[in-house]
Amino acid sequence: MYSLFLDVLGKVVILFLMILAGYACGKRGLVTDAGAKQITSILFWVVTPSLTVASLQETIGKVRFSELLECGGLSVLCVLAGILVSLPFFRRSPPEKGGLLRFAAAYSNCGFMGLPLAQAVLGDTGVAYAAMFISVFNLFCWTHGVASIRGKGRIELRKALVNPGTCGLAAGLLLFAFSLRLPEILLAPLSYLADLNTPLAMLVIGVYIAQIPLRELFGTPELYGLSAARLLLIPAVCFFIVLPFHADRAVATTVLVLSSAPAAANTVMLGAQLGGDTVLGSKAVAVTTLFSALTMPLFAALAGAFY
């Protein structure tokens, strides 16, 4: 377990070195806030669906369809666990802050942080399972998550069901189910675009962290409770939820790694759209991302030792 912890920690350090590069770009003005949003759009609309389809293509004949469904079921349980565990937190905070902090506690950065780590640890198999988790995440994020930040209002069901993540998964699963391999002239550009996911995602996180003075990052007491809930309590609950199912090791590890990721980047983006405290949201993402350097390897090692 100790050697596995060190192995995963090494992979996390690699991710954080790329985040540091993004931080430097942000501090020097090489990438502005507008540029970071544009890169995020490229990741969301182009890179993520390309990665999903390309990874499912690579796992044809290596992963069973039943294992993908198993991953989807465990993902539902773990996302629901995050929502339920977050409910008692931040009830004394003002509504515009409490809802945002509960969202940050409930929803992990499974796309930008969890997926690259799953890819580093498990390769294309981890990405295929991560695509299932991210689709479940999107379903809850655009329904319960939006309601949590807004406090009231209509549910974004269309965005929950129709988005690049779910569309990419639907296309990839259809090809996967019938063992249809794309011709190289189509698969090659998808693979090249998929390779952009980890570096671009890490650079964007670094740019967002650079926008907040470091002394302000650790001056908000609520963020320590948030970090404990997001990085320790919720992943621990998910660990014990997954354990009795005796799931495939790669499935269980992927679900736990993505459940242990820091606060979702959507904390900032949805907060801006729905009238939440975006400064607090940025701090939440930044602080939990920094602390996750130690907690994510811990839960990845636990998964490797007990699943």
Protein backbone atom coordinates (compact mmCIF):
# COMPACT_ATOMS: atom_id res chain seq x y z
CA MET A 1 0.00 0.00 0.00
CA TYR A 2 2.84 2.38 0.86
CA SER A 3 4.55 1.83 -2.49
CA LEU A 4 1.22 2.35 -4.29
CA PHE A 5 0.70 5.60 -2.35
CA LEU A 6 4.13 6.81 -3.48
CA ASP A 7 3.43 5.76 -7.06
CA VAL A 8 0.14 7.68 -7.18
CA LEU A 9 1.71 10.61 -5.33
CA GLY A 10 4.32 10.78 -8.08
CA LYS A 11 1.57 10.99 -10.69
CA VAL A 12 -0.18 13.72 -8.68
CA VAL A 13 3.10 15.65 -8.46
CA ILE A 14 3.30 15.53 -12.26
CA LEU A 15 -0.21 16.99 -12.46
CA PHE A 16 0.71 19.71 -9.97
CA LEU A 17 3.83 20.66 -11.96
CA MET A 18 1.51 21.34 -14.90
CA ILE A 19 -0.76 23.32 -12.57
CA LEU A 20 2.33 25.31 -11.53
CA ALA A 21 2.99 26.08 -15.20
CA GLY A 22 -0.59 27.36 -15.50
CA TYR A 23 -0.11 29.40 -12.32
CA ALA A 24 2.98 31.03 -13.83
CA CYS A 25 1.08 31.76 -17.06
CA GLY A 26 -1.72 33.35 -15.07
CA LYS A 27 0.61 35.46 -12.92
CA ARG A 28 2.50 36.76 -15.95
CA GLY A 29 -0.67 37.50 -17.88
CA LEU A 30 0.12 34.98 -20.62
CA VAL A 31 -3.34 33.48 -20.09
CA THR A 32 -6.10 35.84 -18.95
CA ASP A 33 -9.39 34.99 -17.30
CA ALA A 34 -11.07 35.22 -20.72
CA GLY A 35 -8.42 32.88 -22.16
CA ALA A 36 -8.96 30.37 -19.33
CA LYS A 37 -12.70 30.37 -20.05
CA GLN A 38 -12.03 29.77 -23.74
CA ILE A 39 -9.70 26.85 -22.95
CA THR A 40 -12.39 25.47 -20.62
CA SER A 41 -14.88 25.67 -23.49
CA ILE A 42 -12.49 23.75 -25.75
CA LEU A 43 -12.08 21.10 -23.06
CA PHE A 44 -15.83 20.84 -22.52
CA TRP A 45 -17.00 20.88 -26.14
CA VAL A 46 -14.13 19.24 -28.03
CA VAL A 47 -11.55 17.44 -25.88
CA THR A 48 -13.78 15.57 -23.39
CA PRO A 49 -16.07 13.92 -25.98
CA SER A 50 -13.02 13.09 -28.14
CA LEU A 51 -11.31 11.50 -25.14
CA THR A 52 -14.41 9.47 -24.27
CA VAL A 53 -14.88 8.08 -27.78
CA ALA A 54 -11.17 7.40 -28.30
CA SER A 55 -10.83 5.63 -24.95
CA LEU A 56 -13.86 3.43 -25.52
CA GLN A 57 -12.42 2.54 -28.92
CA GLU A 58 -9.18 1.44 -27.26
CA THR A 59 -11.04 -0.72 -24.72
CA ILE A 60 -13.12 -2.70 -27.24
CA GLY A 61 -12.47 -6.34 -26.40
CA LYS A 62 -10.73 -5.41 -23.13
CA VAL A 63 -13.67 -4.17 -21.03
CA ARG A 64 -17.08 -5.79 -20.74
CA PHE A 65 -20.24 -3.75 -21.21
CA SER A 66 -21.50 -5.09 -17.87
CA GLU A 67 -18.48 -3.51 -16.16
CA LEU A 68 -19.36 -0.12 -17.64
CA LEU A 69 -22.90 -0.49 -16.29
CA GLU A 70 -21.50 -1.57 -12.93
CA CYS A 71 -19.39 1.59 -12.90
CA GLY A 72 -22.46 3.68 -13.69
CA GLY A 73 -24.39 2.17 -10.78
CA LEU A 74 -21.57 2.73 -8.28
CA SER A 75 -21.14 6.27 -9.60
CA VAL A 76 -24.79 7.03 -8.84
CA LEU A 77 -24.37 5.77 -5.28
CA CYS A 78 -21.21 7.80 -4.68
CA VAL A 79 -22.56 11.05 -6.15
CA LEU A 80 -25.70 10.63 -4.04
CA ALA A 81 -23.52 10.00 -0.99
CA GLY A 82 -21.69 13.27 -1.63
CA ILE A 83 -24.96 15.16 -1.85
CA LEU A 84 -26.35 13.63 1.36
CA VAL A 85 -23.15 14.09 3.36
CA SER A 86 -22.93 17.75 2.32
CA LEU A 87 -26.48 18.60 3.44
CA PRO A 88 -25.75 19.41 7.14
CA PHE A 89 -22.79 21.66 6.28
CA PHE A 90 -22.78 25.48 6.13
CA ARG A 91 -26.35 25.92 7.36
CA ARG A 92 -25.32 29.03 9.31
CA SER A 93 -23.73 30.67 6.29
CA PRO A 94 -25.69 33.22 4.21
CA PRO A 95 -27.78 31.48 1.51
CA GLU A 96 -25.64 32.75 -1.37
CA LYS A 97 -22.57 31.23 0.32
CA GLY A 98 -24.05 28.14 1.95
CA GLY A 99 -25.51 26.71 -1.25
CA LEU A 100 -22.28 27.28 -3.13
CA LEU A 101 -20.17 25.64 -0.41
CA ARG A 102 -22.50 22.63 -0.20
CA PHE A 103 -22.20 22.29 -3.98
CA ALA A 104 -18.39 22.41 -3.69
CA ALA A 105 -18.50 19.72 -1.00
CA ALA A 106 -20.89 17.44 -2.90
CA TYR A 107 -19.40 17.64 -6.39
CA SER A 108 -15.83 16.65 -7.22
CA ASN A 109 -13.60 17.93 -10.00
CA CYS A 110 -13.95 14.53 -11.61
CA GLY A 111 -13.28 15.83 -15.13
CA PHE A 112 -10.25 18.07 -14.70
CA MET A 113 -8.50 16.32 -11.77
CA GLY A 114 -10.08 12.89 -11.38
CA LEU A 115 -10.01 11.83 -15.02
CA PRO A 116 -6.30 12.63 -15.63
CA LEU A 117 -5.34 10.71 -12.49
CA ALA A 118 -7.54 7.74 -13.47
CA GLN A 119 -5.89 7.85 -16.89
CA ALA A 120 -2.41 7.97 -15.33
CA VAL A 121 -3.14 5.03 -13.00
CA LEU A 122 -5.33 2.81 -15.20
CA GLY A 123 -4.85 4.03 -18.78
CA ASP A 124 -7.67 3.88 -21.32
CA THR A 125 -9.66 1.53 -19.09
CA GLY A 126 -9.75 4.18 -16.37
CA VAL A 127 -10.88 6.80 -18.88
CA ALA A 128 -13.73 4.57 -20.10
CA TYR A 129 -14.99 4.08 -16.55
CA ALA A 130 -14.41 7.76 -15.76
CA ALA A 131 -16.68 8.69 -18.69
CA MET A 132 -19.52 6.82 -16.96
CA PHE A 133 -18.88 8.63 -13.68
CA ILE A 134 -18.72 12.04 -15.40
CA SER A 135 -22.04 11.43 -17.14
CA VAL A 136 -23.67 10.64 -13.79
CA PHE A 137 -21.98 13.73 -12.36
CA ASN A 138 -23.44 15.90 -15.15
CA LEU A 139 -26.93 14.51 -14.56
CA PHE A 140 -26.87 15.49 -10.87
CA CYS A 141 -24.84 18.67 -11.35
CA TRP A 142 -27.29 20.26 -13.78
CA THR A 143 -30.33 19.29 -11.70
CA HIS A 144 -29.64 19.12 -7.96
CA GLY A 145 -26.42 21.14 -8.26
CA VAL A 146 -28.05 24.08 -10.02
CA ALA A 147 -30.90 24.08 -7.50
CA SER A 148 -28.37 24.01 -4.64
CA ILE A 149 -26.53 27.13 -5.82
CA ARG A 150 -29.61 29.01 -6.96
CA GLY A 151 -31.68 28.02 -3.93
CA LYS A 152 -34.80 27.78 -6.06
CA GLY A 153 -35.93 27.81 -9.66
CA ARG A 154 -36.33 25.39 -12.52
CA ILE A 155 -34.15 22.35 -13.03
CA GLU A 156 -31.74 22.37 -16.00
CA LEU A 157 -32.87 18.93 -17.19
CA ARG A 158 -32.01 19.52 -20.85
CA LYS A 159 -28.41 20.42 -19.98
CA ALA A 160 -28.25 17.40 -17.69
CA LEU A 161 -29.22 15.02 -20.46
CA VAL A 162 -27.80 16.75 -23.55
CA ASN A 163 -24.22 17.96 -23.19
CA PRO A 164 -20.88 17.10 -24.83
CA GLY A 165 -20.06 14.61 -22.06
CA THR A 166 -23.24 12.55 -22.40
CA CYS A 167 -23.28 12.85 -26.20
CA GLY A 168 -19.68 11.66 -26.39
CA LEU A 169 -20.47 8.76 -24.06
CA ALA A 170 -23.59 7.82 -26.06
CA ALA A 171 -21.63 7.76 -29.33
CA GLY A 172 -18.74 5.87 -27.75
CA LEU A 173 -21.01 3.31 -26.07
CA LEU A 174 -22.93 2.67 -29.28
CA LEU A 175 -19.70 1.88 -31.13
CA PHE A 176 -18.44 -0.11 -28.12
CA ALA A 177 -21.60 -2.20 -27.79
CA PHE A 178 -21.41 -3.34 -31.43
CA SER A 179 -17.58 -3.61 -31.45
CA LEU A 180 -17.38 -1.08 -34.27
CA ARG A 181 -13.91 0.36 -34.75
CA LEU A 182 -13.53 3.76 -36.38
CA PRO A 183 -11.21 4.01 -39.38
CA GLU A 184 -7.77 5.39 -38.58
CA ILE A 185 -8.48 8.62 -40.46
CA LEU A 186 -11.19 9.41 -37.86
CA LEU A 187 -9.64 7.79 -34.79
CA ALA A 188 -6.25 9.53 -35.18
CA PRO A 189 -7.57 13.12 -34.85
CA LEU A 190 -9.80 12.05 -31.95
CA SER A 191 -6.77 10.57 -30.19
CA TYR A 192 -4.68 13.70 -30.78
CA LEU A 193 -7.45 15.88 -29.36
CA ALA A 194 -7.87 13.48 -26.41
CA ASP A 195 -4.17 13.91 -25.56
CA LEU A 196 -4.85 17.60 -24.85
CA ASN A 197 -7.09 16.82 -21.87
CA THR A 198 -4.58 16.54 -19.04
CA PRO A 199 -2.21 19.42 -19.90
CA LEU A 200 -4.98 21.87 -20.79
CA ALA A 201 -7.05 20.99 -17.71
CA MET A 202 -4.07 21.42 -15.39
CA LEU A 203 -3.08 24.73 -17.01
CA VAL A 204 -6.60 26.09 -16.53
CA ILE A 205 -6.64 25.14 -12.84
CA GLY A 206 -3.30 26.90 -12.40
CA VAL A 207 -4.61 30.05 -14.09
CA TYR A 208 -7.66 30.10 -11.78
CA ILE A 209 -5.46 29.69 -8.70
CA ALA A 210 -3.22 32.53 -9.90
CA GLN A 211 -6.17 34.93 -9.80
CA ILE A 212 -6.37 34.72 -5.99
CA PRO A 213 -3.67 36.15 -3.69
CA LEU A 214 -2.17 33.24 -1.74
CA ARG A 215 -2.71 34.99 1.61
CA GLU A 216 -6.46 35.09 0.90
CA LEU A 217 -6.64 31.38 0.08
CA PHE A 218 -6.15 30.33 3.68
CA GLY A 219 -7.99 33.16 5.43
CA THR A 220 -11.54 31.82 5.05
CA PRO A 221 -12.49 29.44 7.92
CA GLU A 222 -15.30 27.73 5.99
CA LEU A 223 -12.79 26.38 3.49
CA TYR A 224 -11.21 24.11 6.08
CA GLY A 225 -14.54 22.45 6.85
CA LEU A 226 -15.18 22.22 3.12
CA SER A 227 -11.80 20.59 2.53
CA ALA A 228 -12.41 18.04 5.29
CA ALA A 229 -15.82 17.15 3.84
CA ARG A 230 -14.79 17.11 0.17
CA LEU A 231 -11.39 15.43 0.51
CA LEU A 232 -11.77 13.13 3.55
CA LEU A 233 -15.32 12.52 4.75
CA ILE A 234 -17.09 11.99 1.42
CA PRO A 235 -14.36 9.78 -0.13
CA ALA A 236 -14.29 7.72 3.08
CA VAL A 237 -18.06 7.20 2.86
CA CYS A 238 -17.69 6.25 -0.82
CA PHE A 239 -14.90 3.80 0.05
CA PHE A 240 -17.21 1.90 2.40
CA ILE A 241 -20.13 2.10 -0.05
CA VAL A 242 -18.12 0.47 -2.84
CA LEU A 243 -16.34 -2.12 -0.67
CA PRO A 244 -19.17 -4.66 -0.17
CA PHE A 245 -20.01 -4.81 -3.89
CA HIS A 246 -16.74 -6.62 -4.70
CA ALA A 247 -16.64 -4.73 -7.98
CA ASP A 248 -13.95 -5.10 -10.62
CA ARG A 249 -10.80 -3.53 -9.19
CA ALA A 250 -10.39 -1.01 -12.01
CA VAL A 251 -14.06 0.01 -11.73
CA ALA A 252 -13.88 0.47 -7.96
CA THR A 253 -10.57 2.34 -8.11
CA THR A 254 -11.84 4.73 -10.79
CA VAL A 255 -15.02 5.52 -8.87
CA LEU A 256 -13.12 6.18 -5.64
CA VAL A 257 -10.41 8.29 -7.32
CA LEU A 258 -13.01 10.50 -9.00
CA SER A 259 -15.01 10.72 -5.76
CA SER A 260 -11.89 11.93 -3.92
CA ALA A 261 -11.11 14.77 -6.34
CA PRO A 262 -11.22 18.40 -5.11
CA ALA A 263 -14.20 20.74 -5.50
CA ALA A 264 -15.64 20.88 -9.02
CA ALA A 265 -14.55 23.64 -11.38
CA ASN A 266 -18.28 24.11 -11.98
CA THR A 267 -18.38 25.72 -8.52
CA VAL A 268 -16.97 28.84 -10.16
CA MET A 269 -18.67 28.61 -13.55
CA LEU A 270 -22.17 27.87 -12.26
CA GLY A 271 -21.71 30.36 -9.43
CA ALA A 272 -21.06 33.09 -11.99
CA GLN A 273 -24.15 32.13 -13.99
CA LEU A 274 -26.51 31.72 -11.02
CA GLY A 275 -25.55 34.66 -8.81
CA GLY A 276 -23.33 32.81 -6.34
CA ASP A 277 -20.18 34.12 -4.66
CA THR A 278 -17.62 33.48 -7.41
CA VAL A 279 -14.66 34.69 -5.33
CA LEU A 280 -15.53 32.17 -2.63
CA GLY A 281 -16.06 29.52 -5.30
CA SER A 282 -12.61 30.19 -6.76
CA LYS A 283 -11.05 29.92 -3.30
CA ALA A 284 -12.91 26.65 -2.67
CA VAL A 285 -11.58 25.11 -5.89
CA ALA A 286 -8.05 26.41 -5.28
CA VAL A 287 -7.72 25.33 -1.63
CA THR A 288 -9.22 21.86 -2.09
CA THR A 289 -7.03 21.35 -5.18
CA LEU A 290 -3.89 22.16 -3.18
CA PHE A 291 -4.85 19.87 -0.29
CA SER A 292 -5.84 17.06 -2.68
CA ALA A 293 -2.15 16.48 -3.46
CA LEU A 294 -2.04 14.31 -0.32
CA THR A 295 -5.59 12.99 -0.04
CA MET A 296 -6.09 11.67 -3.59
CA PRO A 297 -3.04 9.37 -3.46
CA LEU A 298 -4.26 8.14 -0.05
CA PHE A 299 -7.61 6.98 -1.41
CA ALA A 300 -6.08 5.61 -4.60
CA ALA A 301 -3.75 3.53 -2.40
CA LEU A 302 -6.67 2.38 -0.24
CA ALA A 303 -8.53 1.29 -3.36
CA GLY A 304 -5.51 -0.67 -4.55
CA ALA A 305 -5.06 -2.35 -1.16
CA PHE A 306 -8.66 -3.29 -0.34
CA TYR A 307 -10.61 -3.59 -3.59
